[in-house]
Structures are given as C-alpha cells and as structure tokens.
C-alpha cells in the first residue's frame, strides 16, 4: 500500500462557477470533498502544494489526508480539471473514504527485468496493453503499483492478468476474462524478412499453367519471317 500523503486546505463558503472563479483569482485551486454519506465540503488548495501530488505517477491511487480547520478528511482523488491552454489546475474532486469503503481504483503497471527477457535482447517491441489496471479494494489495501516481471519472455510472448502476482485484498474489476496486460512483438526488420521470404519463393516458382514440353516432342517451329522482309537478289 502506498503511503498516505498530507495536504492542507482552506474552507470555502460558496459553491458555483462564480465562486470558483473568484477562488482562482485569489491564487487558489477550488476543490470539493464528497462521499461517505456526508455533506460535501468545499475547500481551496495551494496550487504549488497540490500540483506536486497531481503530477506524480499513481496520483488517483493515492490516499490523502486533507486538513481543513484542524479536521482531517481521508480522501482519494477522483477528478482533476485542467485549463486546455495553460494546463493549470482548475478544480479537484476528492472522495471521502473510510475503512469500510470499497472503491474502484486504477493502479499503474510497472515493468521489471527487461534485461532478462530474451525477446528484448533480440530487438522485440514491448507493447504495454494496459498502463493501468482497475481494482476493487478497501482504501487501506490500495496497491501502489502492479509489477510485471519480464524474465524469460520471448518474441511472440504475452502476459495475462492470471500470471501477475496481485496484492492481497485487491481484486481486478474485470473478472469475466483473462485479459492481456502486455505483449512482446517481433521488430519491424524481422517482420519484413518473414514477409519477403514467401514472396521470393513465389516469384522463383514457374508460372501456374506453364507446362513443360513432353519427352521426345519435336522442337517448336521457328516463326515465319515477317511479310515484306528482305528478298534474296
């Protein structure tokens, strides 16, 4: 489980777009805490402090203690809105959680031991089908990451969720199939050689329907001279 992070916040007294714009003009980021059968709590955040967390890998799988007026709210980030031009953080949504809460959370996939994969040494192309895997778990069972060991993986190989060591208490949200996490494909040069080989063999073979002359058959007659050719004097 990842460590619980801490963020300080200030209470906001008004909701709505106008109030949110006023908060941003004051140099703060508007946010809201909801869930756990309690009334939503309107807050504002220091942009530098919250951005340090937002831009870390696995932010949406990170538990955060938000302190507002001396009271701590344990939350999970649920949504972040950014300015489409400046990429500035505009709004953050947090879900309040407790030990009895069951949550859906996306956990990042991390690849290990690439040097121990024969397919990588041959120039194989690693295709990470799922950069994140969705799990259902309790807040105190959220895994920080899912590690995939590539040891022994050759070209053409793949790893499915059934082959991944999963953390205790975390269940994949997709349970009706053994979905693919990653594959190791052949490099482009190897694919080109494989495609050219059958093509070359086809070109070297005699054309279909071209029969060989029968044994003992007379040679084909020479073509007649063209009409109007030179006459012997």
C-alpha atoms as a PDB file:
ATOM      1  CA  UNK A   1       0.000   0.000   0.000  1.00  0.00           C
ATOM      2  CA  UNK A   2       1.221   3.483  -0.822  1.00  0.00           C
ATOM      3  CA  UNK A   3       1.936   5.929   1.997  1.00  0.00           C
ATOM      4  CA  UNK A   4      -0.809   8.381   2.928  1.00  0.00           C
ATOM      5  CA  UNK A   5       0.016  11.900   1.778  1.00  0.00           C
ATOM      6  CA  UNK A   6      -1.000  15.120   3.559  1.00  0.00           C
ATOM      7  CA  UNK A   7      -2.410  18.320   2.065  1.00  0.00           C
ATOM      8  CA  UNK A   8      -3.586  21.469   3.842  1.00  0.00           C
ATOM      9  CA  UNK A   9      -6.716  23.280   2.669  1.00  0.00           C
ATOM     10  CA  UNK A  10      -8.948  26.228   3.475  1.00  0.00           C
ATOM     11  CA  UNK A  11     -12.728  26.093   3.696  1.00  0.00           C
ATOM     12  CA  UNK A  12     -14.847  27.794   1.015  1.00  0.00           C
ATOM     13  CA  UNK A  13     -18.267  29.166   1.864  1.00  0.00           C
ATOM     14  CA  UNK A  14     -19.826  29.330  -1.603  1.00  0.00           C
ATOM     15  CA  UNK A  15     -20.332  26.904  -4.481  1.00  0.00           C
ATOM     16  CA  UNK A  16     -20.871  27.669  -8.151  1.00  0.00           C
ATOM     17  CA  UNK A  17     -18.820  28.816 -11.135  1.00  0.00           C
ATOM     18  CA  UNK A  18     -18.613  32.425  -9.955  1.00  0.00           C
ATOM     19  CA  UNK A  19     -17.249  31.405  -6.559  1.00  0.00           C
ATOM     20  CA  UNK A  20     -14.754  29.023  -8.197  1.00  0.00           C
ATOM     21  CA  UNK A  21     -13.504  31.790 -10.495  1.00  0.00           C
ATOM     22  CA  UNK A  22     -13.083  34.090  -7.505  1.00  0.00           C
ATOM     23  CA  UNK A  23     -11.049  31.396  -5.738  1.00  0.00           C
ATOM     24  CA  UNK A  24      -8.765  31.067  -8.749  1.00  0.00           C
ATOM     25  CA  UNK A  25      -8.335  34.844  -8.991  1.00  0.00           C
ATOM     26  CA  UNK A  26      -7.160  34.732  -5.378  1.00  0.00           C
ATOM     27  CA  UNK A  27      -4.418  32.308  -6.417  1.00  0.00           C
ATOM     28  CA  UNK A  28      -6.043  29.145  -5.011  1.00  0.00           C
ATOM     29  CA  UNK A  29      -7.477  25.963  -6.563  1.00  0.00           C
ATOM     30  CA  UNK A  30     -11.147  25.233  -5.787  1.00  0.00           C
ATOM     31  CA  UNK A  31     -11.916  21.661  -4.730  1.00  0.00           C
ATOM     32  CA  UNK A  32     -14.647  19.570  -3.139  1.00  0.00           C
ATOM     33  CA  UNK A  33     -14.737  16.574  -0.786  1.00  0.00           C
ATOM     34  CA  UNK A  34     -17.788  14.325  -1.097  1.00  0.00           C
ATOM     35  CA  UNK A  35     -18.971  10.832  -0.167  1.00  0.00           C
ATOM     36  CA  UNK A  36     -19.225   8.593   2.908  1.00  0.00           C
ATOM     37  CA  UNK A  37     -22.851   9.700   3.323  1.00  0.00           C
ATOM     38  CA  UNK A  38     -21.799  13.175   4.454  1.00  0.00           C
ATOM     39  CA  UNK A  39     -22.411  16.650   3.103  1.00  0.00           C
ATOM     40  CA  UNK A  40     -19.888  17.874   0.519  1.00  0.00           C
ATOM     41  CA  UNK A  41     -17.088  20.027   1.925  1.00  0.00           C
ATOM     42  CA  UNK A  42     -15.965  22.966  -0.221  1.00  0.00           C
ATOM     43  CA  UNK A  43     -12.263  23.726   0.043  1.00  0.00           C
ATOM     44  CA  UNK A  44      -9.437  25.560  -1.707  1.00  0.00           C
ATOM     45  CA  UNK A  45      -5.875  24.353  -2.169  1.00  0.00           C
ATOM     46  CA  UNK A  46      -2.450  25.890  -2.621  1.00  0.00           C
ATOM     47  CA  UNK A  47      -1.657  25.217  -6.331  1.00  0.00           C
ATOM     48  CA  UNK A  48       2.040  24.515  -5.739  1.00  0.00           C
ATOM     49  CA  UNK A  49       1.280  22.018  -2.986  1.00  0.00           C
ATOM     50  CA  UNK A  50      -1.413  20.065  -4.827  1.00  0.00           C
ATOM     51  CA  UNK A  51       0.441  20.102  -8.170  1.00  0.00           C
ATOM     52  CA  UNK A  52       3.354  18.243  -6.558  1.00  0.00           C
ATOM     53  CA  UNK A  53       0.967  15.345  -5.959  1.00  0.00           C
ATOM     54  CA  UNK A  54      -1.070  15.602  -9.157  1.00  0.00           C
ATOM     55  CA  UNK A  55       1.935  15.146 -11.421  1.00  0.00           C
ATOM     56  CA  UNK A  56       3.219  12.045  -9.638  1.00  0.00           C
ATOM     57  CA  UNK A  57       2.522   8.644 -11.169  1.00  0.00           C
ATOM     58  CA  UNK A  58      -0.363   6.904  -9.436  1.00  0.00           C
ATOM     59  CA  UNK A  59      -1.993  10.091  -8.123  1.00  0.00           C
ATOM     60  CA  UNK A  60      -5.506   8.620  -8.448  1.00  0.00           C
ATOM     61  CA  UNK A  61      -4.456   5.594  -6.393  1.00  0.00           C
ATOM     62  CA  UNK A  62      -3.010   7.720  -3.566  1.00  0.00           C
ATOM     63  CA  UNK A  63      -4.741   8.216  -0.226  1.00  0.00           C
ATOM     64  CA  UNK A  64      -4.549  11.809   1.013  1.00  0.00           C
ATOM     65  CA  UNK A  65      -5.330  13.347   4.386  1.00  0.00           C
ATOM     66  CA  UNK A  66      -6.772  16.791   3.673  1.00  0.00           C
ATOM     67  CA  UNK A  67      -6.634  19.021   6.754  1.00  0.00           C
ATOM     68  CA  UNK A  68      -9.303  21.724   6.920  1.00  0.00           C
ATOM     69  CA  UNK A  69      -9.620  23.877  10.017  1.00  0.00           C
ATOM     70  CA  UNK A  70      -7.937  21.324  12.261  1.00  0.00           C
ATOM     71  CA  UNK A  71     -10.037  18.413  10.941  1.00  0.00           C
ATOM     72  CA  UNK A  72      -8.596  15.686   8.699  1.00  0.00           C
ATOM     73  CA  UNK A  73     -10.528  14.101   5.854  1.00  0.00           C
ATOM     74  CA  UNK A  74      -9.081  10.914   4.389  1.00  0.00           C
ATOM     75  CA  UNK A  75      -9.800  11.053   0.675  1.00  0.00           C
ATOM     76  CA  UNK A  76      -9.000   9.570  -2.706  1.00  0.00           C
ATOM     77  CA  UNK A  77      -8.547  11.847  -5.754  1.00  0.00           C
ATOM     78  CA  UNK A  78     -11.325  11.281  -8.281  1.00  0.00           C
ATOM     79  CA  UNK A  79     -11.061  14.007 -10.907  1.00  0.00           C
ATOM     80  CA  UNK A  80      -8.848  16.919 -11.907  1.00  0.00           C
ATOM     81  CA  UNK A  81      -9.784  19.635 -14.388  1.00  0.00           C
ATOM     82  CA  UNK A  82      -7.054  21.490 -16.281  1.00  0.00           C
ATOM     83  CA  UNK A  83      -7.016  24.653 -18.378  1.00  0.00           C
ATOM     84  CA  UNK A  84      -6.828  23.469 -22.002  1.00  0.00           C
ATOM     85  CA  UNK A  85      -4.398  26.272 -22.914  1.00  0.00           C
ATOM     86  CA  UNK A  86      -2.130  26.725 -19.884  1.00  0.00           C
ATOM     87  CA  UNK A  87      -2.569  23.231 -18.316  1.00  0.00           C
ATOM     88  CA  UNK A  88      -3.159  24.984 -14.986  1.00  0.00           C
ATOM     89  CA  UNK A  89      -5.117  23.014 -12.382  1.00  0.00           C
ATOM     90  CA  UNK A  90      -8.664  24.397 -12.260  1.00  0.00           C
ATOM     91  CA  UNK A  91     -10.566  22.061  -9.920  1.00  0.00           C
ATOM     92  CA  UNK A  92     -10.063  18.856  -7.931  1.00  0.00           C
ATOM     93  CA  UNK A  93     -12.650  16.327  -6.742  1.00  0.00           C
ATOM     94  CA  UNK A  94     -11.931  14.103  -3.740  1.00  0.00           C
ATOM     95  CA  UNK A  95     -13.938  11.132  -2.472  1.00  0.00           C
ATOM     96  CA  UNK A  96     -14.122  10.742   1.290  1.00  0.00           C
ATOM     97  CA  UNK A  97     -13.308   7.156   2.330  1.00  0.00           C
ATOM     98  CA  UNK A  98     -13.421   5.016   5.454  1.00  0.00           C
ATOM     99  CA  UNK A  99     -12.105   1.574   6.353  1.00  0.00           C
ATOM    100  CA  UNK A 100     -15.393   0.004   5.246  1.00  0.00           C
ATOM    101  CA  UNK A 101     -15.466   1.719   1.843  1.00  0.00           C
ATOM    102  CA  UNK A 102     -14.997  -0.438  -1.263  1.00  0.00           C
ATOM    103  CA  UNK A 103     -13.569   1.593  -4.108  1.00  0.00           C
ATOM    104  CA  UNK A 104     -12.632   1.228  -7.766  1.00  0.00           C
ATOM    105  CA  UNK A 105      -9.107   2.487  -8.353  1.00  0.00           C
ATOM    106  CA  UNK A 106      -6.714   2.480 -11.332  1.00  0.00           C
ATOM    107  CA  UNK A 107      -3.256   1.233 -10.358  1.00  0.00           C
ATOM    108  CA  UNK A 108      -0.223   1.899 -12.624  1.00  0.00           C
ATOM    109  CA  UNK A 109       1.669  -1.015 -14.196  1.00  0.00           C
ATOM    110  CA  UNK A 110       5.462  -1.089 -13.812  1.00  0.00           C
ATOM    111  CA  UNK A 111       7.694  -3.408 -15.888  1.00  0.00           C
ATOM    112  CA  UNK A 112      10.732  -5.081 -14.272  1.00  0.00           C
ATOM    113  CA  UNK A 113      13.718  -7.146 -15.501  1.00  0.00           C
ATOM    114  CA  UNK A 114      13.635  -6.146 -19.168  1.00  0.00           C
ATOM    115  CA  UNK A 115      17.286  -7.224 -19.480  1.00  0.00           C
ATOM    116  CA  UNK A 116      16.273 -10.781 -18.523  1.00  0.00           C
ATOM    117  CA  UNK A 117      13.803 -11.082 -21.418  1.00  0.00           C
ATOM    118  CA  UNK A 118      15.296 -12.905 -24.460  1.00  0.00           C
ATOM    119  CA  UNK A 119      12.808 -11.175 -26.742  1.00  0.00           C
ATOM    120  CA  UNK A 120      14.036  -7.733 -25.672  1.00  0.00           C
ATOM    121  CA  UNK A 121      17.647  -8.754 -26.416  1.00  0.00           C
ATOM    122  CA  UNK A 122      16.552  -9.775 -29.939  1.00  0.00           C
ATOM    123  CA  UNK A 123      15.071  -6.338 -30.525  1.00  0.00           C
ATOM    124  CA  UNK A 124      11.470  -7.220 -29.710  1.00  0.00           C
ATOM    125  CA  UNK A 125       8.925  -4.432 -29.257  1.00  0.00           C
ATOM    126  CA  UNK A 126       7.227  -4.277 -25.861  1.00  0.00           C
ATOM    127  CA  UNK A 127       3.551  -3.347 -26.114  1.00  0.00           C
ATOM    128  CA  UNK A 128       2.035  -2.370 -22.776  1.00  0.00           C
ATOM    129  CA  UNK A 129      -1.632  -3.058 -23.472  1.00  0.00           C
ATOM    130  CA  UNK A 130      -2.698  -1.737 -20.066  1.00  0.00           C
ATOM    131  CA  UNK A 131      -0.720   1.082 -18.481  1.00  0.00           C
ATOM    132  CA  UNK A 132      -3.143   0.874 -15.546  1.00  0.00           C
ATOM    133  CA  UNK A 133      -5.320  -1.906 -14.126  1.00  0.00           C
ATOM    134  CA  UNK A 134      -8.599  -1.195 -12.356  1.00  0.00           C
ATOM    135  CA  UNK A 135      -9.021  -2.874  -8.963  1.00  0.00           C
ATOM    136  CA  UNK A 136     -11.734  -3.115  -6.337  1.00  0.00           C
ATOM    137  CA  UNK A 137     -10.387  -2.877  -2.808  1.00  0.00           C
ATOM    138  CA  UNK A 138     -10.583  -1.197   0.568  1.00  0.00           C
ATOM    139  CA  UNK A 139      -8.767   2.140   0.958  1.00  0.00           C
ATOM    140  CA  UNK A 140      -6.081   0.583   3.153  1.00  0.00           C
ATOM    141  CA  UNK A 141      -5.439  -2.124   0.536  1.00  0.00           C
ATOM    142  CA  UNK A 142      -4.742   0.122  -2.451  1.00  0.00           C
ATOM    143  CA  UNK A 143      -1.549  -1.144  -4.129  1.00  0.00           C
ATOM    144  CA  UNK A 144       0.996   1.483  -5.080  1.00  0.00           C
ATOM    145  CA  UNK A 145       1.770  -0.299  -8.356  1.00  0.00           C
ATOM    146  CA  UNK A 146       1.466  -3.622 -10.155  1.00  0.00           C
ATOM    147  CA  UNK A 147       4.862  -5.075 -11.079  1.00  0.00           C
ATOM    148  CA  UNK A 148       5.256  -7.248 -14.195  1.00  0.00           C
ATOM    149  CA  UNK A 149       8.372  -9.460 -14.367  1.00  0.00           C
ATOM    150  CA  UNK A 150       9.648  -9.948 -17.951  1.00  0.00           C
ATOM    151  CA  UNK A 151      12.179 -12.650 -17.060  1.00  0.00           C
ATOM    152  CA  UNK A 152      12.183 -15.340 -19.776  1.00  0.00           C
ATOM    153  CA  UNK A 153       9.678 -13.587 -22.075  1.00  0.00           C
ATOM    154  CA  UNK A 154      10.487 -14.167 -25.758  1.00  0.00           C
ATOM    155  CA  UNK A 155       9.223 -12.638 -29.003  1.00  0.00           C
ATOM    156  CA  UNK A 156       5.583 -13.542 -29.549  1.00  0.00           C
ATOM    157  CA  UNK A 157       5.004 -13.967 -25.836  1.00  0.00           C
ATOM    158  CA  UNK A 158       2.391 -12.215 -23.717  1.00  0.00           C
ATOM    159  CA  UNK A 159       1.440 -11.825 -20.073  1.00  0.00           C
ATOM    160  CA  UNK A 160      -2.160 -12.063 -18.900  1.00  0.00           C
ATOM    161  CA  UNK A 161      -3.639 -10.996 -15.590  1.00  0.00           C
ATOM    162  CA  UNK A 162      -3.716 -14.619 -14.370  1.00  0.00           C
ATOM    163  CA  UNK A 163       0.108 -14.667 -14.477  1.00  0.00           C
ATOM    164  CA  UNK A 164       0.502 -11.490 -12.431  1.00  0.00           C
ATOM    165  CA  UNK A 165       1.141 -11.609  -8.706  1.00  0.00           C
ATOM    166  CA  UNK A 166      -1.647  -9.486  -7.228  1.00  0.00           C
ATOM    167  CA  UNK A 167      -1.555  -7.749  -3.845  1.00  0.00           C
ATOM    168  CA  UNK A 168      -3.674  -9.158  -1.050  1.00  0.00           C
ATOM    169  CA  UNK A 169      -7.138  -7.646  -0.803  1.00  0.00           C
ATOM    170  CA  UNK A 170      -7.171  -6.204  -4.349  1.00  0.00           C
ATOM    171  CA  UNK A 171      -9.431  -7.802  -6.983  1.00  0.00           C
ATOM    172  CA  UNK A 172      -9.353  -6.886 -10.691  1.00  0.00           C
ATOM    173  CA  UNK A 173     -12.537  -5.108 -11.738  1.00  0.00           C
ATOM    174  CA  UNK A 174     -12.594  -7.260 -14.908  1.00  0.00           C
ATOM    175  CA  UNK A 175     -13.289 -10.807 -13.751  1.00  0.00           C
ATOM    176  CA  UNK A 176     -15.019 -12.413 -16.723  1.00  0.00           C
ATOM    177  CA  UNK A 177     -11.871 -12.969 -18.820  1.00  0.00           C
ATOM    178  CA  UNK A 178      -8.111 -13.420 -18.548  1.00  0.00           C
ATOM    179  CA  UNK A 179      -7.205 -10.095 -20.152  1.00  0.00           C
ATOM    180  CA  UNK A 180      -3.815  -9.268 -21.688  1.00  0.00           C
ATOM    181  CA  UNK A 181      -1.520  -6.894 -19.811  1.00  0.00           C
ATOM    182  CA  UNK A 182       1.396  -6.781 -22.272  1.00  0.00           C
ATOM    183  CA  UNK A 183       2.836  -8.450 -25.373  1.00  0.00           C
ATOM    184  CA  UNK A 184       6.302  -8.736 -26.913  1.00  0.00           C
ATOM    185  CA  UNK A 185       6.142  -8.386 -30.703  1.00  0.00           C
ATOM    186  CA  UNK A 186       8.769  -9.007 -33.366  1.00  0.00           C
ATOM    187  CA  UNK A 187      10.768  -5.969 -34.530  1.00  0.00           C
ATOM    188  CA  UNK A 188       9.870  -4.416 -37.894  1.00  0.00           C
ATOM    189  CA  UNK A 189      13.034  -5.757 -39.602  1.00  0.00           C
ATOM    190  CA  UNK A 190      12.189  -9.318 -38.593  1.00  0.00           C
ATOM    191  CA  UNK A 191       8.614  -8.918 -39.858  1.00  0.00           C
ATOM    192  CA  UNK A 192       9.868  -7.608 -43.214  1.00  0.00           C
ATOM    193  CA  UNK A 193      12.211 -10.582 -43.675  1.00  0.00           C
ATOM    194  CA  UNK A 194       9.402 -13.004 -42.878  1.00  0.00           C
ATOM    195  CA  UNK A 195       7.141 -11.304 -45.427  1.00  0.00           C
ATOM    196  CA  UNK A 196       9.831 -11.215 -48.150  1.00  0.00           C
ATOM    197  CA  UNK A 197      10.760 -14.924 -47.870  1.00  0.00           C
ATOM    198  CA  UNK A 198       7.427 -16.373 -49.132  1.00  0.00           C
ATOM    199  CA  UNK A 199       7.222 -13.621 -51.759  1.00  0.00           C
ATOM    200  CA  UNK A 200      10.654 -14.546 -53.144  1.00  0.00           C
ATOM    201  CA  UNK A 201       9.739 -18.244 -53.203  1.00  0.00           C
ATOM    202  CA  UNK A 202       6.578 -17.475 -55.159  1.00  0.00           C
ATOM    203  CA  UNK A 203       8.484 -15.398 -57.729  1.00  0.00           C
ATOM    204  CA  UNK A 204      11.026 -18.215 -58.298  1.00  0.00           C
ATOM    205  CA  UNK A 205       8.365 -20.867 -58.957  1.00  0.00           C
ATOM    206  CA  UNK A 206       7.177 -21.451 -62.607  1.00  0.00           C
ATOM    207  CA  UNK A 207       4.038 -19.643 -63.598  1.00  0.00           C
ATOM    208  CA  UNK A 208       0.867 -21.611 -63.000  1.00  0.00           C
ATOM    209  CA  UNK A 209      -0.350 -23.428 -66.140  1.00  0.00           C
ATOM    210  CA  UNK A 210       3.039 -23.304 -67.945  1.00  0.00           C
ATOM    211  CA  UNK A 211       3.503 -26.980 -68.976  1.00  0.00           C
ATOM    212  CA  UNK A 212       6.979 -28.425 -69.676  1.00  0.00           C
ATOM    213  CA  UNK A 213       7.486 -29.891 -73.182  1.00  0.00           C
ATOM    214  CA  UNK A 214       6.713 -33.618 -73.486  1.00  0.00           C
ATOM    215  CA  UNK A 215       9.618 -36.052 -73.719  1.00  0.00           C
ATOM    216  CA  UNK A 216      10.595 -36.651 -77.371  1.00  0.00           C
ATOM    217  CA  UNK A 217       8.403 -33.899 -78.726  1.00  0.00           C
ATOM    218  CA  UNK A 218       9.588 -32.011 -81.777  1.00  0.00           C
ATOM    219  CA  UNK A 219      11.037 -28.582 -81.149  1.00  0.00           C
ATOM    220  CA  UNK A 220       8.750 -25.706 -81.806  1.00  0.00           C
ATOM    221  CA  UNK A 221       8.798 -24.351 -85.367  1.00  0.00           C
ATOM    222  CA  UNK A 222      10.690 -21.150 -85.985  1.00  0.00           C
ATOM    223  CA  UNK A 223       8.450 -18.165 -86.553  1.00  0.00           C
ATOM    224  CA  UNK A 224       7.733 -17.251 -90.205  1.00  0.00           C
ATOM    225  CA  UNK A 225       9.553 -14.187 -91.498  1.00  0.00           C
ATOM    226  CA  UNK A 226       7.610 -11.017 -91.429  1.00  0.00           C
ATOM    227  CA  UNK A 227       5.737 -10.107 -94.592  1.00  0.00           C
ATOM    228  CA  UNK A 228       7.616  -7.614 -96.673  1.00  0.00           C
ATOM    229  CA  UNK A 229      11.027  -8.616 -95.399  1.00  0.00           C
ATOM    230  CA  UNK A 230      14.276  -8.515 -97.479  1.00  0.00           C
ATOM    231  CA  UNK A 231      14.219 -10.638-100.702  1.00  0.00           C
ATOM    232  CA  UNK A 232      17.268 -12.585-101.940  1.00  0.00           C
ATOM    233  CA  UNK A 233      18.670 -10.999-105.083  1.00  0.00           C
END
